[in-house]
Amino acid sequence: MKSRTRAKDSLPDPDRIIHERARLRILVYLASSLSSTVGFTELKDSLGMTAGNLSTQISTLEEAGYIRVEKRFVGKKPHTSIVLTTEGKTALETYIADIEILMTAARKQEGVLKEDQH
């Protein structure tokens, strides 16, 4: 995870690894799962992603230390599970806080993202 130091009045720069739509969806799914591990197939099906795209995004998240990939055999079949790491959970929480700060700043501008808009 990159350093989050910034001047008091400056806007945050959200984590670019998480900011990519597919990776954000993966991390949110893992963080909100009732299980500590999620199978590759469950993740692929639940997020509507292709196996190739999911594999690519998982590799990026694994390289960043945000997830851990566990491979084992169940009977004679290979099974891949994905686990959100402590670093990944912290990075996601920081990312969400950064987005909330950006949204608050946008709401302060006249006519932009007013909280009362329907």
C-alpha atoms as a PDB file:
ATOM      1  CA  MET A   1       0.000   0.000   0.000  1.00  0.00           C
ATOM      2  CA  LYS A   2       1.338   3.403  -0.883  1.00  0.00           C
ATOM      3  CA  SER A   3       1.982   6.104   1.684  1.00  0.00           C
ATOM      4  CA  ARG A   4      -1.129   8.087   2.569  1.00  0.00           C
ATOM      5  CA  THR A   5       0.588  11.236   3.851  1.00  0.00           C
ATOM      6  CA  ARG A   6      -0.887  14.445   2.495  1.00  0.00           C
ATOM      7  CA  ALA A   7      -1.278  18.077   3.431  1.00  0.00           C
ATOM      8  CA  LYS A   8      -4.251  18.829   5.669  1.00  0.00           C
ATOM      9  CA  ASP A   9      -6.224  20.718   3.001  1.00  0.00           C
ATOM     10  CA  SER A  10      -5.231  18.665  -0.050  1.00  0.00           C
ATOM     11  CA  LEU A  11      -7.451  16.073  -1.660  1.00  0.00           C
ATOM     12  CA  PRO A  12      -6.491  12.398  -1.365  1.00  0.00           C
ATOM     13  CA  ASP A  13      -5.137  10.408  -4.292  1.00  0.00           C
ATOM     14  CA  PRO A  14      -7.024   7.079  -4.185  1.00  0.00           C
ATOM     15  CA  ASP A  15      -5.023   3.881  -4.570  1.00  0.00           C
ATOM     16  CA  ARG A  16      -4.728   3.214  -8.325  1.00  0.00           C
ATOM     17  CA  ILE A  17      -4.572  -0.542  -7.843  1.00  0.00           C
ATOM     18  CA  ILE A  18      -7.953  -0.589  -6.117  1.00  0.00           C
ATOM     19  CA  HIS A  19      -9.468   2.184  -8.245  1.00  0.00           C
ATOM     20  CA  GLU A  20      -9.734  -0.072 -11.308  1.00  0.00           C
ATOM     21  CA  ARG A  21     -13.380  -1.199 -11.435  1.00  0.00           C
ATOM     22  CA  ALA A  22     -12.847  -4.974 -11.559  1.00  0.00           C
ATOM     23  CA  ARG A  23     -10.296  -4.969  -8.735  1.00  0.00           C
ATOM     24  CA  LEU A  24     -12.537  -2.790  -6.574  1.00  0.00           C
ATOM     25  CA  ARG A  25     -15.421  -5.219  -7.101  1.00  0.00           C
ATOM     26  CA  ILE A  26     -13.185  -8.186  -6.192  1.00  0.00           C
ATOM     27  CA  LEU A  27     -11.991  -6.574  -2.957  1.00  0.00           C
ATOM     28  CA  VAL A  28     -15.482  -5.478  -1.939  1.00  0.00           C
ATOM     29  CA  TYR A  29     -16.829  -8.975  -2.617  1.00  0.00           C
ATOM     30  CA  LEU A  30     -14.082 -10.557  -0.513  1.00  0.00           C
ATOM     31  CA  ALA A  31     -14.507  -8.017   2.303  1.00  0.00           C
ATOM     32  CA  SER A  32     -18.274  -8.556   2.430  1.00  0.00           C
ATOM     33  CA  SER A  33     -18.148 -12.354   2.178  1.00  0.00           C
ATOM     34  CA  LEU A  34     -19.335 -14.383   5.151  1.00  0.00           C
ATOM     35  CA  SER A  35     -16.432 -16.773   4.548  1.00  0.00           C
ATOM     36  CA  SER A  36     -12.757 -15.939   5.023  1.00  0.00           C
ATOM     37  CA  THR A  37     -11.975 -17.632   1.693  1.00  0.00           C
ATOM     38  CA  VAL A  38     -13.836 -17.426  -1.603  1.00  0.00           C
ATOM     39  CA  GLY A  39     -13.446 -19.916  -4.409  1.00  0.00           C
ATOM     40  CA  PHE A  40     -12.298 -18.730  -7.826  1.00  0.00           C
ATOM     41  CA  THR A  41     -15.442 -20.077  -9.511  1.00  0.00           C
ATOM     42  CA  GLU A  42     -17.746 -18.394  -6.985  1.00  0.00           C
ATOM     43  CA  LEU A  43     -15.958 -15.091  -7.503  1.00  0.00           C
ATOM     44  CA  LYS A  44     -16.046 -15.438 -11.300  1.00  0.00           C
ATOM     45  CA  ASP A  45     -19.744 -16.304 -11.372  1.00  0.00           C
ATOM     46  CA  SER A  46     -20.833 -13.761  -8.761  1.00  0.00           C
ATOM     47  CA  LEU A  47     -19.012 -10.888 -10.452  1.00  0.00           C
ATOM     48  CA  GLY A  48     -19.828 -11.983 -14.001  1.00  0.00           C
ATOM     49  CA  MET A  49     -16.188 -11.932 -15.053  1.00  0.00           C
ATOM     50  CA  THR A  50     -14.354 -14.160 -17.490  1.00  0.00           C
ATOM     51  CA  ALA A  51     -11.778 -16.544 -16.041  1.00  0.00           C
ATOM     52  CA  GLY A  52      -9.004 -14.752 -17.935  1.00  0.00           C
ATOM     53  CA  ASN A  53      -9.918 -11.272 -16.735  1.00  0.00           C
ATOM     54  CA  LEU A  54     -10.410 -12.470 -13.162  1.00  0.00           C
ATOM     55  CA  SER A  55      -7.014 -14.215 -13.227  1.00  0.00           C
ATOM     56  CA  THR A  56      -5.326 -11.040 -14.468  1.00  0.00           C
ATOM     57  CA  GLN A  57      -6.943  -8.879 -11.779  1.00  0.00           C
ATOM     58  CA  ILE A  58      -6.185 -11.439  -9.057  1.00  0.00           C
ATOM     59  CA  SER A  59      -2.506 -11.448 -10.082  1.00  0.00           C
ATOM     60  CA  THR A  60      -2.345  -7.654  -9.739  1.00  0.00           C
ATOM     61  CA  LEU A  61      -4.014  -7.732  -6.317  1.00  0.00           C
ATOM     62  CA  GLU A  62      -1.775 -10.592  -5.176  1.00  0.00           C
ATOM     63  CA  GLU A  63       1.380  -8.729  -6.283  1.00  0.00           C
ATOM     64  CA  ALA A  64       0.204  -5.722  -4.244  1.00  0.00           C
ATOM     65  CA  GLY A  65      -0.237  -7.956  -1.195  1.00  0.00           C
ATOM     66  CA  TYR A  66      -3.976  -7.257  -1.006  1.00  0.00           C
ATOM     67  CA  ILE A  67      -5.042 -10.874  -1.467  1.00  0.00           C
ATOM     68  CA  ARG A  68      -3.541 -14.333  -1.046  1.00  0.00           C
ATOM     69  CA  VAL A  69      -4.241 -17.154  -3.495  1.00  0.00           C
ATOM     70  CA  GLU A  70      -4.418 -20.670  -2.092  1.00  0.00           C
ATOM     71  CA  LYS A  71      -4.300 -23.653  -4.434  1.00  0.00           C
ATOM     72  CA  ARG A  72      -5.095 -27.187  -3.326  1.00  0.00           C
ATOM     73  CA  PHE A  73      -6.826 -30.321  -4.461  1.00  0.00           C
ATOM     74  CA  VAL A  74     -10.301 -31.310  -3.334  1.00  0.00           C
ATOM     75  CA  GLY A  75     -10.401 -34.985  -4.161  1.00  0.00           C
ATOM     76  CA  LYS A  76      -8.752 -35.070  -7.567  1.00  0.00           C
ATOM     77  CA  LYS A  77      -9.921 -31.608  -8.637  1.00  0.00           C
ATOM     78  CA  PRO A  78      -7.821 -28.455  -8.271  1.00  0.00           C
ATOM     79  CA  HIS A  79      -9.438 -25.756  -6.144  1.00  0.00           C
ATOM     80  CA  THR A  80      -8.309 -22.126  -6.009  1.00  0.00           C
ATOM     81  CA  SER A  81      -9.364 -19.928  -3.108  1.00  0.00           C
ATOM     82  CA  ILE A  82      -8.807 -16.218  -2.651  1.00  0.00           C
ATOM     83  CA  VAL A  83      -8.300 -14.606   0.758  1.00  0.00           C
ATOM     84  CA  LEU A  84      -8.368 -10.894   1.570  1.00  0.00           C
ATOM     85  CA  THR A  85      -5.197 -10.093   3.518  1.00  0.00           C
ATOM     86  CA  THR A  86      -4.972  -7.690   6.446  1.00  0.00           C
ATOM     87  CA  GLU A  87      -3.078  -5.297   4.166  1.00  0.00           C
ATOM     88  CA  GLY A  88      -5.854  -5.620   1.572  1.00  0.00           C
ATOM     89  CA  LYS A  89      -8.556  -4.877   4.128  1.00  0.00           C
ATOM     90  CA  THR A  90      -6.646  -1.816   5.356  1.00  0.00           C
ATOM     91  CA  ALA A  91      -6.052  -0.619   1.775  1.00  0.00           C
ATOM     92  CA  LEU A  92      -9.761  -0.992   0.949  1.00  0.00           C
ATOM     93  CA  GLU A  93     -10.774   0.908   4.098  1.00  0.00           C
ATOM     94  CA  THR A  94      -8.322   3.703   3.203  1.00  0.00           C
ATOM     95  CA  TYR A  95      -9.612   3.782  -0.379  1.00  0.00           C
ATOM     96  CA  ILE A  96     -13.223   4.097   0.825  1.00  0.00           C
ATOM     97  CA  ALA A  97     -12.245   6.895   3.230  1.00  0.00           C
ATOM     98  CA  ASP A  98     -10.436   8.695   0.400  1.00  0.00           C
ATOM     99  CA  ILE A  99     -13.497   8.456  -1.865  1.00  0.00           C
ATOM    100  CA  GLU A 100     -15.712   9.756   0.957  1.00  0.00           C
ATOM    101  CA  ILE A 101     -13.389  12.779   1.358  1.00  0.00           C
ATOM    102  CA  LEU A 102     -13.550  13.437  -2.390  1.00  0.00           C
ATOM    103  CA  MET A 103     -17.353  13.149  -2.380  1.00  0.00           C
ATOM    104  CA  THR A 104     -17.619  15.539   0.562  1.00  0.00           C
ATOM    105  CA  ALA A 105     -15.400  18.044  -1.238  1.00  0.00           C
ATOM    106  CA  ALA A 106     -17.545  17.738  -4.377  1.00  0.00           C
ATOM    107  CA  ARG A 107     -20.735  18.269  -2.369  1.00  0.00           C
ATOM    108  CA  LYS A 108     -19.341  21.540  -1.010  1.00  0.00           C
ATOM    109  CA  GLN A 109     -19.354  22.985  -4.526  1.00  0.00           C
ATOM    110  CA  GLU A 110     -22.571  24.722  -5.570  1.00  0.00           C
ATOM    111  CA  GLY A 111     -24.825  22.356  -7.527  1.00  0.00           C
ATOM    112  CA  VAL A 112     -22.420  19.402  -7.496  1.00  0.00           C
ATOM    113  CA  LEU A 113     -23.544  16.129  -5.926  1.00  0.00           C
ATOM    114  CA  LYS A 114     -25.976  17.774  -3.556  1.00  0.00           C
ATOM    115  CA  GLU A 115     -27.006  15.340  -0.843  1.00  0.00           C
ATOM    116  CA  ASP A 116     -30.677  16.241  -1.398  1.00  0.00           C
ATOM    117  CA  GLN A 117     -30.705  15.427  -5.131  1.00  0.00           C
ATOM    118  CA  HIS A 118     -33.058  12.647  -6.151  1.00  0.00           C
END
